[in-house]
Protein backbone atom coordinates (compact mmCIF):
# COMPACT_ATOMS: atom_id res chain seq x y z
CA UNK A 1 41.24 -117.30 122.95
CA UNK A 2 42.44 -114.56 125.05
CA UNK A 3 42.95 -115.46 128.63
CA UNK A 4 41.17 -113.62 131.20
CA UNK A 5 43.71 -113.35 133.91
CA UNK A 6 46.51 -111.95 131.87
CA UNK A 7 48.89 -108.85 133.13
CA UNK A 8 47.27 -105.40 132.67
CA UNK A 9 48.13 -103.80 129.50
CA UNK A 10 45.01 -101.06 129.30
CA UNK A 11 47.35 -98.25 130.82
CA UNK A 12 50.59 -97.01 129.84
CA UNK A 13 51.97 -95.53 133.09
CA UNK A 14 55.95 -94.21 133.16
CA UNK A 15 58.18 -97.28 132.52
CA UNK A 16 59.22 -97.38 135.90
CA UNK A 17 55.68 -97.56 137.11
CA UNK A 18 54.64 -100.03 134.61
CA UNK A 19 57.83 -102.42 135.37
CA UNK A 20 56.90 -102.17 139.17
CA UNK A 21 53.31 -103.18 138.28
CA UNK A 22 54.30 -106.04 135.91
CA UNK A 23 56.80 -107.65 138.57
CA UNK A 24 54.21 -107.19 141.30
CA UNK A 25 51.24 -108.99 139.18
CA UNK A 26 54.01 -111.96 138.36
CA UNK A 27 55.04 -112.34 142.00
CA UNK A 28 51.60 -111.74 143.84
CA UNK A 29 50.04 -114.04 141.35
CA UNK A 30 52.62 -116.78 141.09
CA UNK A 31 54.04 -116.65 144.60
CA UNK A 32 51.29 -115.09 146.93
CA UNK A 33 50.88 -111.52 147.80
CA UNK A 34 51.97 -111.64 151.65
CA UNK A 35 55.08 -113.68 150.39
CA UNK A 36 56.48 -110.95 148.36
CA UNK A 37 58.13 -108.46 150.07
CA UNK A 38 59.17 -104.97 148.99
CA UNK A 39 62.88 -105.46 148.56
CA UNK A 40 61.99 -108.20 146.30
CA UNK A 41 59.52 -106.16 144.26
CA UNK A 42 62.64 -103.54 144.03
CA UNK A 43 65.21 -105.92 143.03
CA UNK A 44 62.74 -107.67 140.45
CA UNK A 45 61.61 -104.30 139.05
CA UNK A 46 65.29 -103.00 138.85
CA UNK A 47 64.16 -99.60 140.34
CA UNK A 48 65.48 -97.76 143.28
CA UNK A 49 63.56 -97.58 146.72
CA UNK A 50 62.96 -94.08 146.10
CA UNK A 51 61.43 -94.67 142.69
CA UNK A 52 59.31 -97.70 144.32
CA UNK A 53 57.78 -95.01 146.96
CA UNK A 54 57.42 -92.23 144.60
CA UNK A 55 54.97 -94.22 142.37
CA UNK A 56 53.14 -96.29 144.89
CA UNK A 57 54.08 -95.06 148.59
CA UNK A 58 53.75 -98.56 150.21
CA UNK A 59 53.17 -102.12 149.51
CA UNK A 60 49.43 -101.75 150.80
CA UNK A 61 48.80 -99.08 147.96
CA UNK A 62 50.79 -100.90 145.37
CA UNK A 63 48.49 -104.29 146.42
CA UNK A 64 45.14 -102.40 145.93
CA UNK A 65 46.39 -101.14 142.41
CA UNK A 66 47.29 -104.76 141.46
CA UNK A 67 43.82 -106.06 142.81
CA UNK A 68 42.27 -103.11 140.53
CA UNK A 69 44.09 -103.77 137.36
CA UNK A 70 43.46 -107.23 137.29
CA UNK A 71 39.65 -106.48 137.51
CA UNK A 72 40.09 -104.20 135.03
CA UNK A 73 41.91 -106.55 132.48
CA UNK A 74 39.45 -109.41 133.45
CA UNK A 75 36.58 -106.89 132.47
CA UNK A 76 38.36 -105.77 129.50
CA UNK A 77 38.74 -109.30 128.13
CA UNK A 78 35.14 -110.18 128.87
CA UNK A 79 33.93 -107.01 127.03
CA UNK A 80 35.52 -107.82 124.08
CA UNK A 81 34.19 -111.57 124.42
CA UNK A 82 30.70 -109.82 124.58
CA UNK A 83 31.63 -107.63 121.54
CA UNK A 84 32.81 -110.56 119.48
CA UNK A 85 29.79 -112.70 120.23
CA UNK A 86 26.17 -111.33 118.63
CA UNK A 87 24.46 -114.28 120.45
CA UNK A 88 24.44 -114.27 124.25
CA UNK A 89 24.35 -117.88 124.42
CA UNK A 90 27.55 -117.94 122.20
CA UNK A 91 29.03 -115.59 124.71
CA UNK A 92 28.51 -117.60 127.53
CA UNK A 93 29.91 -120.63 125.86
CA UNK A 94 33.13 -118.16 124.78
CA UNK A 95 33.54 -117.36 128.22
CA UNK A 96 33.16 -121.14 129.33
CA UNK A 97 35.92 -121.69 126.72
CA UNK A 98 37.91 -119.02 128.13
CA UNK A 99 37.98 -119.96 131.52
CA UNK A 100 39.04 -123.78 130.44
CA UNK A 101 41.99 -122.07 128.46
CA UNK A 102 43.20 -120.26 131.53
CA UNK A 103 42.89 -123.29 133.74
CA UNK A 104 45.12 -124.97 130.94
CA UNK A 105 48.06 -122.23 131.11
CA UNK A 106 51.20 -123.48 132.29
CA UNK A 107 51.52 -120.55 135.03
CA UNK A 108 47.90 -121.07 136.03
CA UNK A 109 47.54 -120.64 139.77
CA UNK A 110 43.93 -120.25 140.44
CA UNK A 111 41.64 -117.56 140.55
CA UNK A 112 43.39 -114.23 141.88
CA UNK A 113 40.80 -112.81 143.49
CA UNK A 114 40.27 -116.34 145.54
CA UNK A 115 43.71 -116.54 146.36
CA UNK A 116 43.68 -112.88 147.55
CA UNK A 117 40.54 -113.62 149.44
CA UNK A 118 42.60 -116.30 151.31
CA UNK A 119 45.60 -114.21 151.88
CA UNK A 120 42.98 -111.45 153.43
CA UNK A 121 40.75 -112.71 155.85
CA UNK A 122 39.35 -109.73 157.44
CA UNK A 123 36.12 -108.55 155.87
CA UNK A 124 36.67 -104.96 156.16
CA UNK A 125 40.23 -104.73 154.42
CA UNK A 126 40.06 -102.59 151.35
CA UNK A 127 41.68 -105.60 149.37
CA UNK A 128 38.32 -107.72 150.47
CA UNK A 129 36.20 -104.72 148.83
CA UNK A 130 37.84 -104.94 145.40
CA UNK A 131 37.40 -108.69 145.58
CA UNK A 132 33.77 -108.14 146.28
CA UNK A 133 33.04 -105.80 143.79
CA UNK A 134 34.82 -107.76 141.19
CA UNK A 135 32.48 -110.71 141.96
CA UNK A 136 29.33 -108.72 142.37
CA UNK A 137 30.41 -107.66 138.72
CA UNK A 138 31.23 -111.04 137.22
CA UNK A 139 27.93 -112.42 138.64
CA UNK A 140 26.19 -109.76 137.07
CA UNK A 141 27.20 -110.02 133.81
CA UNK A 142 26.76 -113.98 133.75
CA UNK A 143 23.08 -113.24 135.39
CA UNK A 144 22.37 -110.62 132.18
CA UNK A 145 23.64 -113.06 129.54
CA UNK A 146 21.59 -115.93 131.03
CA UNK A 147 18.67 -113.29 131.18
CA UNK A 148 19.11 -112.74 127.64
CA UNK A 149 18.97 -116.11 126.49
CA UNK A 150 15.70 -116.73 128.46
CA UNK A 151 16.80 -118.25 131.34
CA UNK A 152 13.81 -118.49 133.97
CA UNK A 153 16.01 -118.17 137.28
CA UNK A 154 18.85 -115.94 135.61
CA UNK A 155 20.28 -114.85 139.09
CA UNK A 156 20.10 -118.42 140.47
CA UNK A 157 21.92 -119.77 137.34
CA UNK A 158 24.75 -117.00 137.50
CA UNK A 159 25.37 -118.18 140.93
CA UNK A 160 25.60 -121.74 139.82
CA UNK A 161 28.03 -120.69 137.17
CA UNK A 162 30.06 -118.69 139.47
CA UNK A 163 30.41 -121.70 141.91
CA UNK A 164 31.11 -123.78 139.33
CA UNK A 165 33.84 -121.52 137.86
CA UNK A 166 35.22 -121.12 141.23
CA UNK A 167 35.55 -124.96 141.86
CA UNK A 168 36.96 -125.43 138.72
CA UNK A 169 39.65 -122.76 139.08
CA UNK A 170 40.45 -124.30 142.64
CA UNK A 171 40.50 -127.69 141.50
CA UNK A 172 42.36 -126.85 137.90
CA UNK A 173 45.27 -125.55 140.16
CA UNK A 174 45.15 -127.97 143.33
CA UNK A 175 44.42 -131.13 141.33
CA UNK A 176 43.75 -132.36 137.81
CA UNK A 177 43.21 -129.21 135.68
CA UNK A 178 41.66 -131.71 132.85
CA UNK A 179 39.26 -133.19 135.31
CA UNK A 180 38.35 -129.92 136.87
CA UNK A 181 37.39 -128.28 133.11
CA UNK A 182 35.46 -131.15 132.12
CA UNK A 183 33.54 -131.03 135.07
CA UNK A 184 33.06 -127.23 134.54
CA UNK A 185 31.95 -127.58 131.02
CA UNK A 186 29.38 -129.86 132.01
CA UNK A 187 27.78 -127.82 134.63
CA UNK A 188 27.99 -124.97 132.33
CA UNK A 189 26.09 -127.07 129.95
CA UNK A 190 23.47 -127.96 132.24
CA UNK A 191 22.91 -124.20 133.62
CA UNK A 192 22.76 -122.78 130.14
CA UNK A 193 20.42 -125.64 128.75
CA UNK A 194 18.20 -124.70 131.41
CA UNK A 195 16.81 -121.82 129.28
CA UNK A 196 13.78 -122.35 127.07
CA UNK A 197 14.86 -123.85 123.58
CA UNK A 198 14.56 -121.18 120.76
CA UNK A 199 12.36 -122.41 117.67
């Protein structure tokens, strides 16, 4: 099962730029965005300060590129799930399974977007714009899949699934990942089963 939250691999920029982004992805997700300074990024990327600023200009720009790259990775992985499953219900269940697989990862630290939202409380911060666009896109994907299986309240059901996913990711990191995943699967089953049964 492909994890949804993995280091971006779609683009292949210059090796130094890629090293910086790979390092930022690991540190921002594992340690926290605000907790990681430019000096640490430079040191662990094994680049010079001049190279860092040549490619990113500032930590703020790197943060935005990290957030956008993380969105692109999730989008690519979900697109692959959709393409691999002919029926929308099997796609939904594969997505649920992928979320559970993410929660079970040894390096799991919750949802990268919820983590970033906690670190950037200002609603007009550009980081929050990326988070909002990601969540609107994600909820739209869920609503479309639920609509395709004939759910009578696809939008409401998508909101419920998104909230259950948020809770599972937060609970899976802060508490018992097995219990959080099991609860998420139960909620997802109820939501998906709310669609009329096909005969």
